[in-house]
N, C-alpha and C. Protein backbone atom coordinates (compact mmCIF):
# COMPACT_ATOMS: atom_id res chain seq x y z
N MET A 1 60.39 52.26 -12.12
CA MET A 1 59.92 51.76 -12.95
C MET A 1 58.83 52.48 -13.78
N PRO A 2 59.06 52.99 -15.10
CA PRO A 2 58.17 53.86 -15.64
C PRO A 2 56.58 53.47 -15.66
N ARG A 3 55.80 54.08 -15.54
CA ARG A 3 54.38 53.97 -15.63
C ARG A 3 54.00 53.60 -16.85
N VAL A 4 53.26 52.49 -17.38
CA VAL A 4 52.66 52.32 -18.62
C VAL A 4 51.31 52.80 -18.84
N TYR A 5 51.19 53.42 -19.97
CA TYR A 5 49.78 53.87 -20.04
C TYR A 5 48.70 52.98 -19.99
N ASP A 6 47.76 52.91 -19.49
CA ASP A 6 46.60 52.03 -19.37
C ASP A 6 45.49 52.77 -20.42
N CYS A 7 45.71 52.00 -21.53
CA CYS A 7 44.57 52.76 -22.34
C CYS A 7 43.15 52.13 -22.44
N CYS A 8 43.01 51.02 -21.75
CA CYS A 8 41.68 49.97 -22.07
C CYS A 8 40.50 50.82 -21.36
N GLU A 9 40.78 51.94 -20.62
CA GLU A 9 39.51 52.57 -20.26
C GLU A 9 39.19 53.55 -21.58
N ASP A 10 40.26 54.29 -21.87
CA ASP A 10 40.18 55.05 -23.06
C ASP A 10 39.79 54.60 -24.53
N ILE A 11 40.21 53.66 -24.82
CA ILE A 11 40.12 53.14 -26.14
C ILE A 11 38.61 52.98 -26.53
N GLU A 12 37.71 52.72 -26.08
CA GLU A 12 36.24 52.57 -26.36
C GLU A 12 35.97 54.14 -26.81
N TYR A 13 36.23 54.97 -25.92
CA TYR A 13 35.87 56.30 -26.01
C TYR A 13 36.57 56.93 -27.40
N LEU A 14 38.05 56.61 -27.34
CA LEU A 14 38.39 57.34 -28.58
C LEU A 14 38.04 56.47 -29.99
N LYS A 15 38.00 55.22 -29.75
CA LYS A 15 37.15 54.81 -31.12
C LYS A 15 35.98 55.38 -31.60
N SER A 16 35.18 55.64 -30.45
CA SER A 16 33.89 56.37 -30.96
C SER A 16 33.87 57.69 -31.42
N LEU A 17 35.00 58.41 -30.79
CA LEU A 17 35.20 59.71 -31.27
C LEU A 17 35.64 59.70 -33.03
N GLU A 18 36.43 58.77 -33.18
CA GLU A 18 36.72 58.37 -34.75
C GLU A 18 35.70 58.10 -35.58
N GLU A 19 34.64 57.17 -34.99
CA GLU A 19 33.45 56.76 -35.44
C GLU A 19 32.50 58.01 -36.07
N GLU A 20 32.45 58.86 -34.89
CA GLU A 20 31.65 59.97 -35.11
C GLU A 20 32.10 60.92 -36.01
N ARG A 21 33.40 61.16 -36.17
CA ARG A 21 34.08 62.22 -37.11
C ARG A 21 33.76 61.57 -38.64
N ILE A 22 33.78 60.46 -38.78
CA ILE A 22 33.71 59.70 -40.13
C ILE A 22 32.11 59.72 -40.30
N GLU A 23 31.49 59.61 -39.68
CA GLU A 23 30.04 59.61 -39.94
C GLU A 23 29.60 61.00 -40.24
N LEU A 24 30.21 62.21 -39.81
CA LEU A 24 29.63 63.41 -40.14
C LEU A 24 30.15 63.75 -41.23
N VAL A 25 31.04 63.33 -42.01
CA VAL A 25 31.62 64.11 -43.11
C VAL A 25 31.26 63.17 -43.95
N GLY A 26 31.18 61.57 -43.82
CA GLY A 26 31.69 60.72 -45.01
C GLY A 26 30.46 60.32 -45.63
N PRO A 27 30.56 59.66 -46.89
CA PRO A 27 29.45 58.97 -47.48
C PRO A 27 29.57 57.57 -47.15
N ASP A 28 28.46 56.83 -47.61
CA ASP A 28 28.55 55.27 -47.32
C ASP A 28 29.30 54.64 -48.52
N ALA A 29 29.95 53.57 -48.06
CA ALA A 29 30.76 52.88 -49.21
C ALA A 29 30.38 51.53 -49.14
N GLU A 30 30.42 50.70 -50.39
CA GLU A 30 30.26 49.51 -50.47
C GLU A 30 31.51 48.81 -50.35
N TYR A 31 31.91 47.61 -49.35
CA TYR A 31 33.15 47.21 -49.40
C TYR A 31 33.02 45.59 -49.63
N TYR A 32 33.84 45.19 -50.44
CA TYR A 32 33.96 43.76 -51.12
C TYR A 32 35.25 43.12 -50.87
N SER A 33 35.41 42.26 -49.75
CA SER A 33 36.34 41.70 -49.28
C SER A 33 37.00 40.40 -50.13
N LEU A 34 38.10 40.49 -50.56
CA LEU A 34 38.60 39.50 -51.45
C LEU A 34 38.99 38.31 -50.48
N ASN A 35 38.40 36.95 -50.93
CA ASN A 35 38.68 35.67 -50.19
C ASN A 35 39.73 35.16 -50.98
N ARG A 36 40.97 35.64 -50.50
CA ARG A 36 42.16 35.09 -51.29
C ARG A 36 42.39 33.55 -51.39
N GLY A 37 41.95 32.92 -50.13
CA GLY A 37 42.10 31.33 -50.18
C GLY A 37 41.25 30.58 -51.05
N LYS A 38 40.43 31.38 -51.76
CA LYS A 38 39.43 30.82 -52.67
C LYS A 38 39.84 31.10 -54.21
N ASN A 39 40.83 31.96 -54.28
CA ASN A 39 41.09 32.58 -55.56
C ASN A 39 42.48 31.77 -56.01
N VAL A 40 43.06 31.02 -55.16
CA VAL A 40 44.31 30.64 -55.66
C VAL A 40 44.53 29.09 -55.33
N ASP A 41 44.94 28.35 -56.06
CA ASP A 41 45.37 26.79 -55.76
C ASP A 41 45.92 26.82 -54.50
N ALA A 42 45.35 25.96 -53.65
CA ALA A 42 45.97 25.72 -52.35
C ALA A 42 47.28 25.24 -52.20
N VAL A 43 47.77 24.37 -53.07
CA VAL A 43 48.88 23.67 -53.26
C VAL A 43 49.99 24.67 -53.75
N TYR A 44 49.54 24.93 -55.31
CA TYR A 44 50.53 25.74 -56.10
C TYR A 44 50.54 27.21 -55.90
N GLY A 45 49.55 27.65 -55.26
CA GLY A 45 49.50 29.16 -55.14
C GLY A 45 49.21 29.83 -56.50
N GLU A 46 48.83 29.16 -57.78
CA GLU A 46 48.58 30.04 -58.66
C GLU A 46 46.92 30.18 -58.97
N PRO A 47 46.66 30.98 -59.90
CA PRO A 47 45.41 31.58 -60.17
C PRO A 47 44.43 30.23 -60.22
N VAL A 48 43.17 30.13 -59.69
CA VAL A 48 42.35 29.32 -59.52
C VAL A 48 41.60 29.11 -60.84
N ASN A 49 41.87 27.97 -61.25
CA ASN A 49 40.74 27.47 -62.31
C ASN A 49 40.45 28.14 -63.85
N ASP A 50 39.88 29.39 -63.67
CA ASP A 50 39.03 29.98 -64.71
C ASP A 50 39.98 30.36 -65.84
N PRO A 51 39.94 29.71 -67.05
CA PRO A 51 41.04 29.97 -68.25
C PRO A 51 41.10 31.43 -68.67
N LEU A 52 39.86 32.12 -68.06
CA LEU A 52 40.03 33.69 -68.79
C LEU A 52 41.05 34.25 -67.87
N TYR A 53 41.37 33.91 -66.61
CA TYR A 53 42.24 34.62 -65.91
C TYR A 53 43.65 33.68 -65.50
N GLY A 54 43.95 32.99 -66.52
CA GLY A 54 45.13 32.18 -66.46
C GLY A 54 45.20 30.72 -65.72
N GLY A 55 44.10 30.36 -65.52
CA GLY A 55 43.83 28.97 -65.14
C GLY A 55 43.70 28.14 -66.03
N SER A 56 44.12 26.88 -65.91
CA SER A 56 43.93 25.66 -67.05
C SER A 56 42.70 24.84 -67.05
N ASP A 57 41.84 24.87 -65.95
CA ASP A 57 41.02 24.15 -65.87
C ASP A 57 39.74 24.42 -66.77
N PRO A 58 39.14 23.81 -67.62
CA PRO A 58 38.14 24.25 -68.63
C PRO A 58 36.76 24.61 -67.64
N ARG A 59 36.91 23.89 -66.47
CA ARG A 59 35.49 23.86 -65.65
C ARG A 59 35.17 25.27 -64.94
N GLY A 60 36.18 26.21 -64.98
CA GLY A 60 35.96 27.38 -64.30
C GLY A 60 36.23 27.39 -62.91
N THR A 61 35.69 28.20 -62.30
CA THR A 61 35.69 28.19 -60.53
C THR A 61 34.88 27.54 -59.89
N PRO A 62 35.22 27.07 -58.65
CA PRO A 62 34.02 26.29 -57.91
C PRO A 62 33.08 27.57 -57.47
N SER A 63 33.31 29.17 -57.51
CA SER A 63 32.20 29.96 -57.01
C SER A 63 30.94 29.65 -57.81
N THR A 64 29.92 29.88 -57.40
CA THR A 64 28.58 29.78 -57.66
C THR A 64 28.23 30.61 -58.66
N ASP A 65 28.82 31.74 -58.94
CA ASP A 65 28.50 32.62 -60.16
C ASP A 65 29.63 32.57 -61.03
N GLU A 66 30.61 31.63 -61.04
CA GLU A 66 31.42 31.37 -62.05
C GLU A 66 32.48 32.56 -62.29
N HIS A 67 32.78 33.22 -61.57
CA HIS A 67 33.81 34.11 -61.55
C HIS A 67 35.04 33.46 -61.05
N SER A 68 36.11 34.35 -61.42
CA SER A 68 37.44 33.61 -61.02
C SER A 68 37.56 34.52 -59.69
N TRP A 69 37.26 35.43 -59.50
CA TRP A 69 37.58 36.31 -58.22
C TRP A 69 36.13 35.93 -57.27
N ASN A 70 36.73 35.77 -55.96
CA ASN A 70 35.47 35.27 -54.96
C ASN A 70 35.68 36.44 -53.92
N PHE A 71 34.50 36.85 -53.60
CA PHE A 71 34.44 38.07 -52.77
C PHE A 71 33.44 37.61 -51.80
N TYR A 72 33.72 38.54 -50.51
CA TYR A 72 32.68 38.61 -49.61
C TYR A 72 31.85 40.11 -49.48
N PRO A 73 30.78 40.29 -49.88
CA PRO A 73 29.71 39.49 -49.95
C PRO A 73 29.50 39.20 -51.15
N ASN A 74 29.03 37.76 -51.58
CA ASN A 74 28.56 37.24 -52.65
C ASN A 74 27.00 37.63 -53.11
N ILE A 75 27.02 38.61 -53.72
CA ILE A 75 25.62 39.02 -53.99
C ILE A 75 24.64 38.13 -54.51
N PRO A 76 25.11 37.34 -55.80
CA PRO A 76 24.20 36.17 -56.07
C PRO A 76 23.65 35.22 -55.35
N ASP A 77 24.32 35.02 -53.96
CA ASP A 77 23.96 33.81 -53.22
C ASP A 77 23.06 34.66 -52.04
N GLY A 78 22.89 36.10 -52.13
CA GLY A 78 22.03 36.28 -51.21
C GLY A 78 22.83 37.17 -49.98
N GLU A 79 24.15 37.14 -50.04
CA GLU A 79 24.67 37.95 -48.90
C GLU A 79 24.76 39.26 -48.80
N PRO A 80 24.29 39.90 -47.53
CA PRO A 80 24.02 41.39 -47.83
C PRO A 80 25.25 42.17 -47.95
N LEU A 81 25.00 43.38 -48.09
CA LEU A 81 25.89 44.37 -48.86
C LEU A 81 26.97 44.59 -47.62
N LEU A 82 27.91 44.88 -47.57
CA LEU A 82 28.72 45.49 -46.57
C LEU A 82 29.05 47.05 -46.92
N THR A 83 28.31 48.06 -45.98
CA THR A 83 28.28 49.36 -46.41
C THR A 83 28.53 50.02 -44.99
N MET A 84 29.47 51.13 -45.07
CA MET A 84 29.99 51.71 -43.94
C MET A 84 30.22 53.07 -44.42
N PRO A 85 30.49 54.15 -43.75
CA PRO A 85 30.79 55.52 -43.78
C PRO A 85 32.33 55.62 -43.93
N VAL A 86 32.79 56.34 -44.72
CA VAL A 86 34.12 56.50 -45.03
C VAL A 86 34.29 57.61 -45.44
N VAL A 87 35.88 58.53 -45.29
CA VAL A 87 36.30 59.52 -45.58
C VAL A 87 36.92 59.54 -46.91
N LEU A 88 36.94 59.97 -47.86
CA LEU A 88 37.56 59.82 -49.19
C LEU A 88 38.16 61.29 -49.45
N GLU A 89 39.72 61.43 -49.41
CA GLU A 89 40.42 62.41 -49.93
C GLU A 89 40.69 62.13 -51.46
N TYR A 90 40.15 62.95 -52.39
CA TYR A 90 40.39 62.45 -53.86
C TYR A 90 40.18 63.63 -54.52
N GLN A 91 41.38 63.93 -55.38
CA GLN A 91 41.24 64.76 -56.52
C GLN A 91 41.64 64.29 -57.82
N GLU A 92 40.84 64.16 -58.81
CA GLU A 92 40.96 63.31 -59.94
C GLU A 92 42.34 63.80 -60.67
N PHE A 93 42.72 65.09 -60.45
CA PHE A 93 43.85 65.51 -61.42
C PHE A 93 45.13 64.97 -60.41
N ASP A 94 45.25 65.02 -59.14
CA ASP A 94 46.41 64.69 -58.47
C ASP A 94 46.81 63.01 -58.97
N ASN A 95 47.98 62.93 -58.77
CA ASN A 95 48.42 61.51 -59.17
C ASN A 95 47.96 61.06 -60.57
N ARG A 96 47.36 61.87 -61.43
CA ARG A 96 46.81 61.14 -62.44
C ARG A 96 47.52 60.73 -63.49
N ASN A 97 47.56 59.44 -63.87
CA ASN A 97 48.54 59.05 -65.03
C ASN A 97 47.71 58.66 -66.38
N PRO A 98 47.85 59.70 -67.31
CA PRO A 98 47.13 59.21 -68.36
C PRO A 98 47.93 58.61 -69.49
N MET A 99 47.11 57.69 -70.30
CA MET A 99 47.82 57.23 -71.34
C MET A 99 46.93 56.81 -72.59
N VAL A 100 47.72 57.42 -73.87
CA VAL A 100 46.98 57.43 -75.08
C VAL A 100 47.62 56.30 -75.74
N ARG A 101 46.95 55.32 -76.41
CA ARG A 101 47.79 54.32 -77.30
C ARG A 101 46.92 53.85 -78.29
N GLU A 102 47.41 53.01 -78.97
CA GLU A 102 46.58 52.53 -80.13
C GLU A 102 45.19 51.96 -79.73
N GLU A 103 45.43 51.20 -78.58
CA GLU A 103 44.01 50.67 -77.96
C GLU A 103 42.79 51.77 -77.48
N GLY A 104 43.14 52.86 -77.33
CA GLY A 104 42.34 54.29 -76.73
C GLY A 104 43.12 54.93 -75.46
N PHE A 105 42.26 55.35 -74.96
CA PHE A 105 42.73 56.12 -73.81
C PHE A 105 42.56 55.48 -72.53
N PHE A 106 43.30 55.59 -71.61
CA PHE A 106 43.49 55.05 -70.36
C PHE A 106 44.07 56.11 -69.13
N ALA A 107 43.32 56.01 -68.15
CA ALA A 107 43.96 56.86 -66.86
C ALA A 107 44.01 55.98 -65.73
N GLU A 108 44.97 56.19 -64.81
CA GLU A 108 44.85 55.81 -63.29
C GLU A 108 45.05 56.96 -62.58
N TYR A 109 44.42 57.11 -61.66
CA TYR A 109 44.49 57.93 -60.40
C TYR A 109 44.40 57.38 -58.96
N ASP A 110 44.77 58.09 -58.03
CA ASP A 110 44.96 57.57 -56.62
C ASP A 110 43.87 58.34 -55.80
N ALA A 111 43.52 57.88 -54.68
CA ALA A 111 42.80 58.37 -53.51
C ALA A 111 43.43 57.87 -52.30
N ILE A 112 42.97 58.77 -51.06
CA ILE A 112 43.10 58.33 -49.80
C ILE A 112 41.59 58.04 -49.29
N MET A 113 41.62 56.90 -48.64
CA MET A 113 40.40 56.68 -47.92
C MET A 113 40.60 56.24 -46.18
N SER A 114 39.64 56.91 -45.51
CA SER A 114 40.13 56.49 -43.92
C SER A 114 38.46 55.76 -43.39
N MET A 115 38.58 54.87 -42.69
CA MET A 115 37.30 54.19 -42.17
C MET A 115 37.73 53.88 -40.47
N SER A 116 36.57 54.32 -39.76
CA SER A 116 36.76 54.02 -38.41
C SER A 116 36.97 52.33 -38.21
N ARG A 117 37.48 51.87 -37.10
CA ARG A 117 37.61 50.70 -36.67
C ARG A 117 36.30 50.11 -36.30
N ASN A 118 35.48 50.83 -35.51
CA ASN A 118 34.21 50.58 -35.08
C ASN A 118 33.16 50.28 -36.17
N HIS A 119 33.12 50.95 -37.35
CA HIS A 119 32.22 50.78 -38.34
C HIS A 119 32.75 49.37 -39.10
N TRP A 120 33.98 49.21 -39.36
CA TRP A 120 34.44 48.17 -39.89
C TRP A 120 34.11 46.72 -38.90
N GLU A 121 34.28 46.77 -37.81
CA GLU A 121 33.89 45.78 -36.87
C GLU A 121 32.47 45.41 -36.60
N LYS A 122 31.49 46.54 -36.83
CA LYS A 122 30.17 46.45 -36.73
C LYS A 122 29.83 45.64 -37.92
N ALA A 123 30.28 46.10 -39.15
CA ALA A 123 29.52 45.89 -40.56
C ALA A 123 29.96 44.37 -40.62
N ILE A 124 31.05 43.56 -39.99
CA ILE A 124 31.50 42.22 -40.44
C ILE A 124 31.08 41.35 -39.31
N GLU A 125 30.57 41.91 -38.07
CA GLU A 125 29.93 40.98 -37.13
C GLU A 125 29.20 40.20 -37.53
N GLY A 126 29.06 38.89 -37.21
CA GLY A 126 28.34 38.02 -37.56
C GLY A 126 28.52 37.34 -39.12
N THR A 127 29.51 37.79 -39.92
CA THR A 127 29.27 37.26 -41.14
C THR A 127 30.54 36.04 -41.01
N SER A 128 30.74 35.68 -42.33
CA SER A 128 31.68 34.67 -42.51
C SER A 128 33.32 35.27 -42.25
N ILE A 129 33.29 36.59 -42.53
CA ILE A 129 34.67 37.38 -42.31
C ILE A 129 34.93 37.95 -41.08
N ASP A 130 33.86 37.46 -40.10
CA ASP A 130 34.33 38.17 -38.76
C ASP A 130 35.51 37.97 -38.21
N GLY A 131 36.24 38.98 -37.72
CA GLY A 131 37.69 38.89 -37.32
C GLY A 131 38.57 39.29 -38.39
N ARG A 132 38.07 39.47 -39.68
CA ARG A 132 39.12 39.83 -40.66
C ARG A 132 39.57 41.50 -40.62
N ARG A 133 40.77 41.66 -40.99
CA ARG A 133 40.89 43.19 -41.10
C ARG A 133 40.78 43.50 -42.84
N PRO A 134 40.65 44.88 -42.98
CA PRO A 134 40.58 45.16 -44.49
C PRO A 134 42.02 44.83 -45.01
N LYS A 135 42.07 44.65 -46.34
CA LYS A 135 43.62 44.20 -46.69
C LYS A 135 43.70 44.64 -48.37
N GLU A 136 44.58 44.45 -48.93
CA GLU A 136 45.02 44.90 -50.30
C GLU A 136 44.48 44.00 -51.14
N GLY A 137 43.85 44.21 -52.22
CA GLY A 137 43.08 43.35 -53.21
C GLY A 137 41.69 43.57 -53.04
N ASP A 138 40.94 44.15 -51.84
CA ASP A 138 39.72 44.24 -51.76
C ASP A 138 39.48 45.29 -52.72
N VAL A 139 38.18 45.51 -52.99
CA VAL A 139 37.41 46.51 -53.71
C VAL A 139 36.24 47.33 -52.99
N VAL A 140 36.50 48.62 -53.08
CA VAL A 140 35.38 49.49 -52.64
C VAL A 140 34.76 50.22 -53.50
N TYR A 141 33.36 50.77 -53.41
CA TYR A 141 32.58 51.43 -54.44
C TYR A 141 32.23 52.59 -53.78
N VAL A 142 32.52 53.79 -54.05
CA VAL A 142 32.12 54.86 -53.18
C VAL A 142 32.03 56.16 -54.13
N TYR A 143 31.19 57.16 -54.16
CA TYR A 143 30.87 58.24 -54.94
C TYR A 143 30.85 57.83 -56.41
N ASN A 144 30.01 56.71 -56.70
CA ASN A 144 29.85 56.29 -57.85
C ASN A 144 31.04 55.70 -58.69
N GLU A 145 32.06 55.68 -57.97
CA GLU A 145 33.25 54.89 -58.56
C GLU A 145 33.67 53.60 -58.03
N TRP A 146 34.37 52.88 -58.59
CA TRP A 146 35.03 51.42 -58.24
C TRP A 146 36.51 51.80 -57.87
N TRP A 147 37.04 51.25 -56.75
CA TRP A 147 38.65 51.42 -56.59
C TRP A 147 39.21 50.19 -56.10
N ASP A 148 40.20 50.08 -56.62
CA ASP A 148 41.18 48.90 -55.97
C ASP A 148 41.91 49.30 -54.75
N ILE A 149 41.92 48.32 -53.95
CA ILE A 149 42.61 49.00 -52.47
C ILE A 149 44.36 48.43 -52.67
N VAL A 150 45.02 49.21 -53.14
CA VAL A 150 46.26 48.94 -53.32
C VAL A 150 47.24 48.95 -51.97
N ARG A 151 46.94 49.65 -51.02
CA ARG A 151 47.60 49.50 -49.58
C ARG A 151 46.60 49.78 -48.44
N VAL A 152 46.80 49.08 -47.45
CA VAL A 152 46.04 49.42 -46.29
C VAL A 152 46.91 49.07 -44.92
N GLY A 153 46.56 49.98 -43.81
CA GLY A 153 47.04 49.71 -42.61
C GLY A 153 46.40 50.50 -41.41
N ALA A 154 46.58 50.18 -40.34
CA ALA A 154 45.88 50.78 -38.98
C ALA A 154 46.41 52.16 -39.11
N GLN A 155 45.32 53.25 -38.59
CA GLN A 155 46.04 54.42 -38.29
C GLN A 155 45.21 54.72 -36.97
N GLY A 156 46.04 55.98 -36.20
CA GLY A 156 45.47 56.57 -35.08
C GLY A 156 45.88 55.51 -33.94
N PHE A 157 46.91 55.13 -33.71
CA PHE A 157 47.50 54.56 -32.77
C PHE A 157 47.60 55.20 -31.30
N ILE A 158 47.10 54.79 -30.16
CA ILE A 158 47.07 55.53 -28.87
C ILE A 158 48.10 55.26 -28.10
N MET A 159 48.76 56.38 -27.85
CA MET A 159 50.01 56.69 -27.15
C MET A 159 51.09 55.48 -27.79
N ALA A 160 51.53 54.72 -26.78
CA ALA A 160 52.65 53.70 -27.35
C ALA A 160 52.11 52.31 -27.22
N THR A 161 50.69 52.03 -27.76
CA THR A 161 50.11 50.74 -27.54
C THR A 161 49.48 50.20 -28.80
N PRO A 162 49.46 49.20 -29.05
CA PRO A 162 49.09 48.45 -30.39
C PRO A 162 47.59 48.86 -30.38
N GLU A 163 46.83 49.37 -29.77
CA GLU A 163 45.44 49.91 -29.88
C GLU A 163 45.18 51.15 -30.87
N PHE A 164 44.32 50.92 -32.05
CA PHE A 164 44.27 52.00 -32.85
C PHE A 164 42.55 52.17 -33.16
N VAL A 165 42.42 53.28 -33.90
CA VAL A 165 40.92 53.79 -33.98
C VAL A 165 40.48 53.42 -35.39
N GLY A 166 41.34 53.32 -36.38
CA GLY A 166 40.67 53.24 -37.62
C GLY A 166 41.64 52.89 -38.72
N TYR A 167 41.25 52.66 -39.78
CA TYR A 167 42.17 52.21 -40.79
C TYR A 167 42.44 53.34 -42.18
N ARG A 168 43.44 53.26 -42.81
CA ARG A 168 43.77 54.31 -43.87
C ARG A 168 44.04 53.34 -44.72
N PHE A 169 43.42 53.61 -46.23
CA PHE A 169 43.48 53.10 -47.54
C PHE A 169 44.36 53.72 -48.64
N GLU A 170 44.98 53.47 -49.47
CA GLU A 170 45.40 53.88 -50.57
C GLU A 170 44.43 53.20 -51.89
N LEU A 171 43.96 53.83 -52.59
CA LEU A 171 42.92 53.52 -53.45
C LEU A 171 43.60 53.87 -54.87
N ARG A 172 43.24 52.76 -55.85
CA ARG A 172 43.77 53.18 -57.47
C ARG A 172 42.37 53.04 -58.15
N LYS A 173 42.08 54.19 -58.75
CA LYS A 173 41.07 53.78 -60.11
C LYS A 173 41.59 53.69 -61.34
N ARG A 174 41.27 52.63 -62.01
CA ARG A 174 41.82 52.13 -63.17
C ARG A 174 40.70 52.53 -64.26
N THR A 175 40.89 53.07 -65.41
CA THR A 175 40.05 52.95 -66.56
C THR A 175 40.13 51.68 -67.66
N LYS A 176 41.21 51.14 -67.52
CA LYS A 176 41.32 50.18 -68.59
C LYS A 176 41.08 48.91 -67.80
N PHE A 177 41.46 48.44 -66.75
CA PHE A 177 40.93 46.96 -66.11
C PHE A 177 40.14 47.57 -64.69
N THR A 178 39.01 47.89 -64.97
CA THR A 178 38.23 48.40 -63.89
C THR A 178 37.94 47.70 -62.76
N PRO A 179 37.95 48.01 -61.61
CA PRO A 179 37.88 47.07 -60.29
C PRO A 179 36.33 46.39 -60.42
N ASP A 180 35.38 47.09 -60.97
CA ASP A 180 34.04 46.32 -61.06
C ASP A 180 34.27 44.99 -61.64
N ARG A 181 35.02 44.81 -62.81
CA ARG A 181 35.12 43.65 -63.23
C ARG A 181 35.26 42.43 -62.49
N LYS A 182 36.11 42.72 -61.25
CA LYS A 182 35.99 41.31 -60.21
C LYS A 182 34.95 41.07 -59.59
N VAL A 183 33.87 42.23 -59.30
CA VAL A 183 32.90 41.84 -58.53
C VAL A 183 31.54 41.49 -59.25
N ASP A 184 31.36 42.24 -60.30
CA ASP A 184 30.35 41.91 -61.19
C ASP A 184 30.25 40.57 -61.63
């Protein structure tokens, strides 16, 4: 019978290597985690309440700051920022899609971001999102730019195990519908 690799003793060491690599080269990013369950009707799965964003209820959303998007942290409620170092691979010209229309000039472009698993777990520890993984729909602020997270997944799997050391994100910068509109 083949021997199964026991990564338990190595996982913490390998995760710390990824954490150190990102700390050495990456800037700090603010991370805003979308609370999906609070943004849609639990029964119908439709956008929640806010008439501005497709809802029909004139009362607006149950969010204390009356936005239709509900994120953690909710800064007006005094929740602390989620900040962590990341690595951003970004060239504005790459994958840039400019559009000139009657309404004006708009552009979209992409970037790739990496984050260590240790940084993520330490940042969310003790918060209401403890145990949550990064996901599509979240928003990140890095290098004075707001980005939508359009794809995210684990990276750095160790041997043939489900253990991994970090996350990899595909980000999209939009100049027409800027990501910060959801957070502010």
